Amino acid sequence: KKAIFQKAIPLVQLQEIFDFAKEMEVYCQTY
């Protein structure tokens, strides 16, 4: 019941992704 491998998107890049989605006028969600 544990992760043995994990690679995530840094929060600073999360902001860039949402900014891109806003510019492209496309829905974006995360987890």
PDB file of all heavy atoms in Angstrom:
ATOM      1  N   LYS A   1       0.828  -1.220   0.000  1.00  0.00           N
ATOM      2  CA  LYS A   1       0.000   0.000   0.000  1.00  0.00           C
ATOM      3  C   LYS A   1       0.859   1.266   0.000  1.00  0.00           C
ATOM      4  O   LYS A   1       0.675   2.194   0.774  1.00  0.00           O
ATOM      5  CB  LYS A   1      -0.932   0.020   1.235  1.00  0.00           C
ATOM      6  CG  LYS A   1      -1.776  -1.236   1.397  1.00  0.00           C
ATOM      7  CD  LYS A   1      -2.816  -1.360   0.317  1.00  0.00           C
ATOM      8  CE  LYS A   1      -3.821  -2.466   0.587  1.00  0.00           C
ATOM      9  NZ  LYS A   1      -3.278  -3.823   0.555  1.00  0.00           N
ATOM     10  N   LYS A   2       1.825   1.290  -0.919  1.00  0.00           N
ATOM     11  CA  LYS A   2       2.697   2.458  -0.994  1.00  0.00           C
ATOM     12  C   LYS A   2       3.243   2.621  -2.413  1.00  0.00           C
ATOM     13  O   LYS A   2       3.296   1.666  -3.203  1.00  0.00           O
ATOM     14  CB  LYS A   2       3.866   2.332  -0.011  1.00  0.00           C
ATOM     15  CG  LYS A   2       4.838   1.219  -0.339  1.00  0.00           C
ATOM     16  CD  LYS A   2       5.998   1.192   0.642  1.00  0.00           C
ATOM     17  CE  LYS A   2       7.027   0.126   0.252  1.00  0.00           C
ATOM     18  NZ  LYS A   2       8.156   0.092   1.219  1.00  0.00           N
ATOM     19  N   ALA A   3       3.637   3.867  -2.717  1.00  0.00           N
ATOM     20  CA  ALA A   3       4.270   4.148  -4.002  1.00  0.00           C
ATOM     21  C   ALA A   3       5.712   3.677  -3.963  1.00  0.00           C
ATOM     22  O   ALA A   3       6.435   3.919  -2.997  1.00  0.00           O
ATOM     23  CB  ALA A   3       4.205   5.636  -4.299  1.00  0.00           C
ATOM     24  N   ILE A   4       6.130   2.989  -5.027  1.00  0.00           N
ATOM     25  CA  ILE A   4       7.526   2.564  -5.131  1.00  0.00           C
ATOM     26  C   ILE A   4       8.248   3.313  -6.247  1.00  0.00           C
ATOM     27  O   ILE A   4       9.458   3.220  -6.374  1.00  0.00           O
ATOM     28  CB  ILE A   4       7.639   1.037  -5.331  1.00  0.00           C
ATOM     29  CG1 ILE A   4       6.799   0.574  -6.518  1.00  0.00           C
ATOM     30  CG2 ILE A   4       7.229   0.312  -4.061  1.00  0.00           C
ATOM     31  CD1 ILE A   4       6.947  -0.903  -6.835  1.00  0.00           C
ATOM     32  N   PHE A   5       7.493   4.049  -7.056  1.00  0.00           N
ATOM     33  CA  PHE A   5       8.071   4.978  -8.019  1.00  0.00           C
ATOM     34  C   PHE A   5       7.079   6.118  -8.192  1.00  0.00           C
ATOM     35  O   PHE A   5       5.872   5.893  -8.274  1.00  0.00           O
ATOM     36  CB  PHE A   5       8.332   4.316  -9.377  1.00  0.00           C
ATOM     37  CG  PHE A   5       8.766   5.306 -10.421  1.00  0.00           C
ATOM     38  CD1 PHE A   5      10.086   5.678 -10.526  1.00  0.00           C
ATOM     39  CD2 PHE A   5       7.840   5.897 -11.282  1.00  0.00           C
ATOM     40  CE1 PHE A   5      10.498   6.613 -11.480  1.00  0.00           C
ATOM     41  CE2 PHE A   5       8.231   6.837 -12.230  1.00  0.00           C
ATOM     42  CZ  PHE A   5       9.564   7.186 -12.323  1.00  0.00           C
ATOM     43  N   GLN A   6       7.616   7.335  -8.275  1.00  0.00           N
ATOM     44  CA  GLN A   6       6.737   8.496  -8.403  1.00  0.00           C
ATOM     45  C   GLN A   6       7.522   9.636  -9.034  1.00  0.00           C
ATOM     46  O   GLN A   6       8.664   9.912  -8.647  1.00  0.00           O
ATOM     47  CB  GLN A   6       6.220   8.915  -7.017  1.00  0.00           C
ATOM     48  CG  GLN A   6       5.015   9.797  -7.011  1.00  0.00           C
ATOM     49  CD  GLN A   6       4.392   9.883  -5.608  1.00  0.00           C
ATOM     50  OE1 GLN A   6       4.974   9.424  -4.623  1.00  0.00           O
ATOM     51  NE2 GLN A   6       3.224  10.457  -5.516  1.00  0.00           N
ATOM     52  N   LYS A   7       6.945  10.258 -10.040  1.00  0.00           N
ATOM     53  CA  LYS A   7       7.553  11.436 -10.660  1.00  0.00           C
ATOM     54  C   LYS A   7       6.458  12.437 -10.960  1.00  0.00           C
ATOM     55  O   LYS A   7       5.506  12.122 -11.672  1.00  0.00           O
ATOM     56  CB  LYS A   7       8.320  11.071 -11.931  1.00  0.00           C
ATOM     57  CG  LYS A   7       9.120  12.240 -12.503  1.00  0.00           C
ATOM     58  CD  LYS A   7       9.987  11.808 -13.663  1.00  0.00           C
ATOM     59  CE  LYS A   7      10.821  12.980 -14.190  1.00  0.00           C
ATOM     60  NZ  LYS A   7      11.686  12.572 -15.328  1.00  0.00           N
ATOM     61  N   ALA A   8       6.587  13.624 -10.417  1.00  0.00           N
ATOM     62  CA  ALA A   8       5.505  14.610 -10.487  1.00  0.00           C
ATOM     63  C   ALA A   8       5.944  15.855 -11.242  1.00  0.00           C
ATOM     64  O   ALA A   8       7.125  16.084 -11.528  1.00  0.00           O
ATOM     65  CB  ALA A   8       5.055  14.978  -9.074  1.00  0.00           C
ATOM     66  N   ILE A   9       4.949  16.687 -11.566  1.00  0.00           N
ATOM     67  CA  ILE A   9       5.171  17.977 -12.207  1.00  0.00           C
ATOM     68  C   ILE A   9       5.439  19.024 -11.120  1.00  0.00           C
ATOM     69  O   ILE A   9       4.618  19.198 -10.217  1.00  0.00           O
ATOM     70  CB  ILE A   9       3.938  18.389 -13.029  1.00  0.00           C
ATOM     71  CG1 ILE A   9       3.677  17.387 -14.160  1.00  0.00           C
ATOM     72  CG2 ILE A   9       4.115  19.795 -13.597  1.00  0.00           C
ATOM     73  CD1 ILE A   9       2.341  17.596 -14.858  1.00  0.00           C
ATOM     74  N   PRO A  10       6.544  19.739 -11.162  1.00  0.00           N
ATOM     75  CA  PRO A  10       6.800  20.787 -10.164  1.00  0.00           C
ATOM     76  C   PRO A  10       5.692  21.841 -10.180  1.00  0.00           C
ATOM     77  O   PRO A  10       5.116  22.147 -11.233  1.00  0.00           O
ATOM     78  CB  PRO A  10       8.139  21.378 -10.609  1.00  0.00           C
ATOM     79  CG  PRO A  10       8.788  20.307 -11.436  1.00  0.00           C
ATOM     80  CD  PRO A  10       7.657  19.590 -12.121  1.00  0.00           C
ATOM     81  N   LEU A  11       5.404  22.384  -9.012  1.00  0.00           N
ATOM     82  CA  LEU A  11       4.314  23.349  -8.906  1.00  0.00           C
ATOM     83  C   LEU A  11       4.538  24.586  -9.772  1.00  0.00           C
ATOM     84  O   LEU A  11       3.582  25.176 -10.277  1.00  0.00           O
ATOM     85  CB  LEU A  11       4.124  23.753  -7.441  1.00  0.00           C
ATOM     86  CG  LEU A  11       3.555  22.669  -6.518  1.00  0.00           C
ATOM     87  CD1 LEU A  11       3.475  23.174  -5.086  1.00  0.00           C
ATOM     88  CD2 LEU A  11       2.165  22.232  -6.999  1.00  0.00           C
ATOM     89  N   VAL A  12       5.794  24.991  -9.962  1.00  0.00           N
ATOM     90  CA  VAL A  12       6.055  26.155 -10.807  1.00  0.00           C
ATOM     91  C   VAL A  12       5.652  25.862 -12.244  1.00  0.00           C
ATOM     92  O   VAL A  12       5.126  26.757 -12.957  1.00  0.00           O
ATOM     93  CB  VAL A  12       7.538  26.578 -10.716  1.00  0.00           C
ATOM     94  CG1 VAL A  12       8.466  25.487 -11.246  1.00  0.00           C
ATOM     95  CG2 VAL A  12       7.767  27.886 -11.459  1.00  0.00           C
ATOM     96  N   GLN A  13       5.818  24.628 -12.687  1.00  0.00           N
ATOM     97  CA  GLN A  13       5.390  24.264 -14.029  1.00  0.00           C
ATOM     98  C   GLN A  13       3.885  24.063 -14.105  1.00  0.00           C
ATOM     99  O   GLN A  13       3.280  24.263 -15.162  1.00  0.00           O
ATOM    100  CB  GLN A  13       6.115  23.003 -14.498  1.00  0.00           C
ATOM    101  CG  GLN A  13       7.579  23.241 -14.854  1.00  0.00           C
ATOM    102  CD  GLN A  13       8.189  22.060 -15.565  1.00  0.00           C
ATOM    103  OE1 GLN A  13       8.039  20.913 -15.147  1.00  0.00           O
ATOM    104  NE2 GLN A  13       8.894  22.320 -16.652  1.00  0.00           N
ATOM    105  N   LEU A  14       3.273  23.684 -12.992  1.00  0.00           N
ATOM    106  CA  LEU A  14       1.816  23.577 -12.964  1.00  0.00           C
ATOM    107  C   LEU A  14       1.185  24.917 -13.303  1.00  0.00           C
ATOM    108  O   LEU A  14       0.207  24.989 -14.057  1.00  0.00           O
ATOM    109  CB  LEU A  14       1.357  23.096 -11.582  1.00  0.00           C
ATOM    110  CG  LEU A  14      -0.139  22.849 -11.409  1.00  0.00           C
ATOM    111  CD1 LEU A  14      -0.594  21.674 -12.271  1.00  0.00           C
ATOM    112  CD2 LEU A  14      -0.479  22.584  -9.938  1.00  0.00           C
ATOM    113  N   GLN A  15       1.739  25.992 -12.771  1.00  0.00           N
ATOM    114  CA  GLN A  15       1.253  27.335 -13.087  1.00  0.00           C
ATOM    115  C   GLN A  15       1.395  27.620 -14.581  1.00  0.00           C
ATOM    116  O   GLN A  15       0.473  28.151 -15.215  1.00  0.00           O
ATOM    117  CB  GLN A  15       2.042  28.375 -12.290  1.00  0.00           C
ATOM    118  CG  GLN A  15       1.619  29.820 -12.539  1.00  0.00           C
ATOM    119  CD  GLN A  15       0.217  30.127 -12.030  1.00  0.00           C
ATOM    120  OE1 GLN A  15      -0.065  29.936 -10.856  1.00  0.00           O
ATOM    121  NE2 GLN A  15      -0.660  30.584 -12.924  1.00  0.00           N
ATOM    122  N   GLU A  16       2.518  27.220 -15.159  1.00  0.00           N
ATOM    123  CA  GLU A  16       2.745  27.466 -16.584  1.00  0.00           C
ATOM    124  C   GLU A  16       1.743  26.678 -17.443  1.00  0.00           C
ATOM    125  O   GLU A  16       1.273  27.173 -18.478  1.00  0.00           O
ATOM    126  CB  GLU A  16       4.174  27.082 -16.959  1.00  0.00           C
ATOM    127  CG  GLU A  16       5.233  27.963 -16.313  1.00  0.00           C
ATOM    128  CD  GLU A  16       6.639  27.508 -16.652  1.00  0.00           C
ATOM    129  OE1 GLU A  16       6.780  26.564 -17.461  1.00  0.00           O
ATOM    130  OE2 GLU A  16       7.596  28.096 -16.122  1.00  0.00           O
ATOM    131  N   ILE A  17       1.416  25.455 -17.025  1.00  0.00           N
ATOM    132  CA  ILE A  17       0.456  24.636 -17.768  1.00  0.00           C
ATOM    133  C   ILE A  17      -0.929  25.273 -17.739  1.00  0.00           C
ATOM    134  O   ILE A  17      -1.617  25.360 -18.768  1.00  0.00           O
ATOM    135  CB  ILE A  17       0.416  23.205 -17.202  1.00  0.00           C
ATOM    136  CG1 ILE A  17       1.758  22.507 -17.436  1.00  0.00           C
ATOM    137  CG2 ILE A  17      -0.722  22.397 -17.824  1.00  0.00           C
ATOM    138  CD1 ILE A  17       1.941  21.247 -16.622  1.00  0.00           C
ATOM    139  N   PHE A  18      -1.349  25.732 -16.561  1.00  0.00           N
ATOM    140  CA  PHE A  18      -2.665  26.372 -16.457  1.00  0.00           C
ATOM    141  C   PHE A  18      -2.690  27.695 -17.221  1.00  0.00           C
ATOM    142  O   PHE A  18      -3.713  28.043 -17.820  1.00  0.00           O
ATOM    143  CB  PHE A  18      -3.038  26.568 -14.990  1.00  0.00           C
ATOM    144  CG  PHE A  18      -3.785  25.411 -14.393  1.00  0.00           C
ATOM    145  CD1 PHE A  18      -3.112  24.275 -13.980  1.00  0.00           C
ATOM    146  CD2 PHE A  18      -5.165  25.439 -14.262  1.00  0.00           C
ATOM    147  CE1 PHE A  18      -3.789  23.195 -13.435  1.00  0.00           C
ATOM    148  CE2 PHE A  18      -5.858  24.371 -13.728  1.00  0.00           C
ATOM    149  CZ  PHE A  18      -5.178  23.237 -13.310  1.00  0.00           C
ATOM    150  N   ASP A  19      -1.585  28.427 -17.222  1.00  0.00           N
ATOM    151  CA  ASP A  19      -1.523  29.657 -18.007  1.00  0.00           C
ATOM    152  C   ASP A  19      -1.657  29.344 -19.498  1.00  0.00           C
ATOM    153  O   ASP A  19      -2.344  30.063 -20.234  1.00  0.00           O
ATOM    154  CB  ASP A  19      -0.193  30.379 -17.747  1.00  0.00           C
ATOM    155  CG  ASP A  19      -0.122  31.012 -16.364  1.00  0.00           C
ATOM    156  OD1 ASP A  19      -1.187  31.145 -15.714  1.00  0.00           O
ATOM    157  OD2 ASP A  19       0.995  31.354 -15.934  1.00  0.00           O
ATOM    158  N   PHE A  20      -0.997  28.290 -19.930  1.00  0.00           N
ATOM    159  CA  PHE A  20      -1.105  27.862 -21.324  1.00  0.00           C
ATOM    160  C   PHE A  20      -2.545  27.487 -21.661  1.00  0.00           C
ATOM    161  O   PHE A  20      -3.077  27.888 -22.711  1.00  0.00           O
ATOM    162  CB  PHE A  20      -0.170  26.673 -21.563  1.00  0.00           C
ATOM    163  CG  PHE A  20      -0.343  26.021 -22.906  1.00  0.00           C
ATOM    164  CD1 PHE A  20       0.277  26.538 -24.033  1.00  0.00           C
ATOM    165  CD2 PHE A  20      -1.122  24.876 -23.055  1.00  0.00           C
ATOM    166  CE1 PHE A  20       0.117  25.943 -25.279  1.00  0.00           C
ATOM    167  CE2 PHE A  20      -1.288  24.270 -24.285  1.00  0.00           C
ATOM    168  CZ  PHE A  20      -0.667  24.810 -25.419  1.00  0.00           C
ATOM    169  N   ALA A  21      -3.198  26.727 -20.790  1.00  0.00           N
ATOM    170  CA  ALA A  21      -4.580  26.314 -21.028  1.00  0.00           C
ATOM    171  C   ALA A  21      -5.509  27.523 -21.118  1.00  0.00           C
ATOM    172  O   ALA A  21      -6.419  27.564 -21.962  1.00  0.00           O
ATOM    173  CB  ALA A  21      -5.038  25.374 -19.915  1.00  0.00           C
ATOM    174  N   LYS A  22      -5.276  28.501 -20.266  1.00  0.00           N
ATOM    175  CA  LYS A  22      -6.095  29.713 -20.318  1.00  0.00           C
ATOM    176  C   LYS A  22      -5.902  30.434 -21.637  1.00  0.00           C
ATOM    177  O   LYS A  22      -6.867  30.906 -22.265  1.00  0.00           O
ATOM    178  CB  LYS A  22      -5.735  30.633 -19.145  1.00  0.00           C
ATOM    179  CG  LYS A  22      -6.579  31.894 -19.059  1.00  0.00           C
ATOM    180  CD  LYS A  22      -6.213  32.724 -17.832  1.00  0.00           C
ATOM    181  CE  LYS A  22      -7.063  33.972 -17.746  1.00  0.00           C
ATOM    182  NZ  LYS A  22      -6.714  34.799 -16.543  1.00  0.00           N
ATOM    183  N   GLU A  23      -4.657  30.519 -22.071  1.00  0.00           N
ATOM    184  CA  GLU A  23      -4.366  31.177 -23.347  1.00  0.00           C
ATOM    185  C   GLU A  23      -5.032  30.441 -24.512  1.00  0.00           C
ATOM    186  O   GLU A  23      -5.578  31.068 -25.433  1.00  0.00           O
ATOM    187  CB  GLU A  23      -2.854  31.236 -23.567  1.00  0.00           C
ATOM    188  CG  GLU A  23      -2.450  31.867 -24.872  1.00  0.00           C
ATOM    189  CD  GLU A  23      -0.956  31.787 -25.113  1.00  0.00           C
ATOM    190  OE1 GLU A  23      -0.197  31.519 -24.145  1.00  0.00           O
ATOM    191  OE2 GLU A  23      -0.541  31.969 -26.278  1.00  0.00           O
ATOM    192  N   MET A  24      -4.996  29.099 -24.464  1.00  0.00           N
ATOM    193  CA  MET A  24      -5.569  28.288 -25.541  1.00  0.00           C
ATOM    194  C   MET A  24      -7.083  28.109 -25.403  1.00  0.00           C
ATOM    195  O   MET A  24      -7.718  27.515 -26.262  1.00  0.00           O
ATOM    196  CB  MET A  24      -4.907  26.901 -25.549  1.00  0.00           C
ATOM    197  CG  MET A  24      -3.435  26.884 -25.871  1.00  0.00           C
ATOM    198  SD  MET A  24      -3.077  27.340 -27.592  1.00  0.00           S
ATOM    199  CE  MET A  24      -2.359  28.959 -27.347  1.00  0.00           C
ATOM    200  N   GLU A  25      -7.627  28.600 -24.293  1.00  0.00           N
ATOM    201  CA  GLU A  25      -9.061  28.476 -23.997  1.00  0.00           C
ATOM    202  C   GLU A  25      -9.499  27.011 -24.010  1.00  0.00           C
ATOM    203  O   GLU A  25     -10.501  26.623 -24.618  1.00  0.00           O
ATOM    204  CB  GLU A  25      -9.893  29.300 -24.994  1.00  0.00           C
ATOM    205  CG  GLU A  25      -9.588  30.780 -24.916  1.00  0.00           C
ATOM    206  CD  GLU A  25     -10.451  31.609 -25.869  1.00  0.00           C
ATOM    207  OE1 GLU A  25     -11.004  31.027 -26.824  1.00  0.00           O
ATOM    208  OE2 GLU A  25     -10.572  32.822 -25.639  1.00  0.00           O
ATOM    209  N   VAL A  26      -8.737  26.198 -23.286  1.00  0.00           N
ATOM    210  CA  VAL A  26      -9.049  24.781 -23.157  1.00  0.00           C
ATOM    211  C   VAL A  26      -9.113  24.430 -21.672  1.00  0.00           C
ATOM    212  O   VAL A  26      -8.360  24.965 -20.854  1.00  0.00           O
ATOM    213  CB  VAL A  26      -8.004  23.902 -23.889  1.00  0.00           C
ATOM    214  CG1 VAL A  26      -6.616  24.039 -23.273  1.00  0.00           C
ATOM    215  CG2 VAL A  26      -8.434  22.443 -23.917  1.00  0.00           C
ATOM    216  N   TYR A  27     -10.037  23.560 -21.307  1.00  0.00           N
ATOM    217  CA  TYR A  27     -10.221  23.149 -19.915  1.00  0.00           C
ATOM    218  C   TYR A  27      -8.989  22.385 -19.427  1.00  0.00           C
ATOM    219  O   TYR A  27      -8.434  21.548 -20.140  1.00  0.00           O
ATOM    220  CB  TYR A  27     -11.453  22.266 -19.806  1.00  0.00           C
ATOM    221  CG  TYR A  27     -11.626  21.605 -18.453  1.00  0.00           C
ATOM    222  CD1 TYR A  27     -12.294  22.248 -17.422  1.00  0.00           C
ATOM    223  CD2 TYR A  27     -11.122  20.327 -18.230  1.00  0.00           C
ATOM    224  CE1 TYR A  27     -12.456  21.635 -16.186  1.00  0.00           C
ATOM    225  CE2 TYR A  27     -11.276  19.701 -16.997  1.00  0.00           C
ATOM    226  CZ  TYR A  27     -11.940  20.368 -15.982  1.00  0.00           C
ATOM    227  OH  TYR A  27     -12.091  19.756 -14.764  1.00  0.00           O
ATOM    228  N   CYS A  28      -8.585  22.648 -18.182  1.00  0.00           N
ATOM    229  CA  CYS A  28      -7.438  21.977 -17.572  1.00  0.00           C
ATOM    230  C   CYS A  28      -7.784  21.558 -16.148  1.00  0.00           C
ATOM    231  O   CYS A  28      -8.390  22.324 -15.392  1.00  0.00           O
ATOM    232  CB  CYS A  28      -6.227  22.907 -17.561  1.00  0.00           C
ATOM    233  SG  CYS A  28      -4.707  22.163 -16.910  1.00  0.00           S
ATOM    234  N   GLN A  29      -7.402  20.337 -15.773  1.00  0.00           N
ATOM    235  CA  GLN A  29      -7.596  19.843 -14.404  1.00  0.00           C
ATOM    236  C   GLN A  29      -6.332  19.147 -13.935  1.00  0.00           C
ATOM    237  O   GLN A  29      -5.467  18.785 -14.728  1.00  0.00           O
ATOM    238  CB  GLN A  29      -8.778  18.874 -14.333  1.00  0.00           C
ATOM    239  CG  GLN A  29      -8.553  17.585 -15.114  1.00  0.00           C
ATOM    240  CD  GLN A  29      -9.768  16.673 -15.078  1.00  0.00           C
ATOM    241  OE1 GLN A  29     -10.913  17.130 -15.022  1.00  0.00           O
ATOM    242  NE2 GLN A  29      -9.529  15.375 -15.118  1.00  0.00           N
ATOM    243  N   THR A  30      -6.241  18.952 -12.620  1.00  0.00           N
ATOM    244  CA  THR A  30      -5.074  18.284 -12.061  1.00  0.00           C
ATOM    245  C   THR A  30      -5.499  17.431 -10.869  1.00  0.00           C
ATOM    246  O   THR A  30      -6.696  17.191 -10.658  1.00  0.00           O
ATOM    247  CB  THR A  30      -3.975  19.302 -11.714  1.00  0.00           C
ATOM    248  OG1 THR A  30      -2.768  18.605 -11.390  1.00  0.00           O
ATOM    249  CG2 THR A  30      -4.380  20.200 -10.549  1.00  0.00           C
ATOM    250  N   TYR A  31      -4.538  16.991 -10.045  1.00  0.00           N
ATOM    251  CA  TYR A  31      -4.809  15.997  -9.011  1.00  0.00           C
ATOM    252  C   TYR A  31      -3.951  16.276  -7.785  1.00  0.00           C
ATOM    253  O   TYR A  31      -2.912  16.931  -7.867  1.00  0.00           O
ATOM    254  CB  TYR A  31      -4.468  14.576  -9.522  1.00  0.00           C
ATOM    255  CG  TYR A  31      -5.109  14.247 -10.847  1.00  0.00           C
ATOM    256  CD1 TYR A  31      -4.541  14.683 -12.047  1.00  0.00           C
ATOM    257  CD2 TYR A  31      -6.290  13.518 -10.913  1.00  0.00           C
ATOM    258  CE1 TYR A  31      -5.138  14.409 -13.271  1.00  0.00           C
ATOM    259  CE2 TYR A  31      -6.889  13.227 -12.129  1.00  0.00           C
ATOM    260  CZ  TYR A  31      -6.307  13.685 -13.299  1.00  0.00           C
ATOM    261  OH  TYR A  31      -6.898  13.413 -14.494  1.00  0.00           O
TER     262      TYR A  31
END
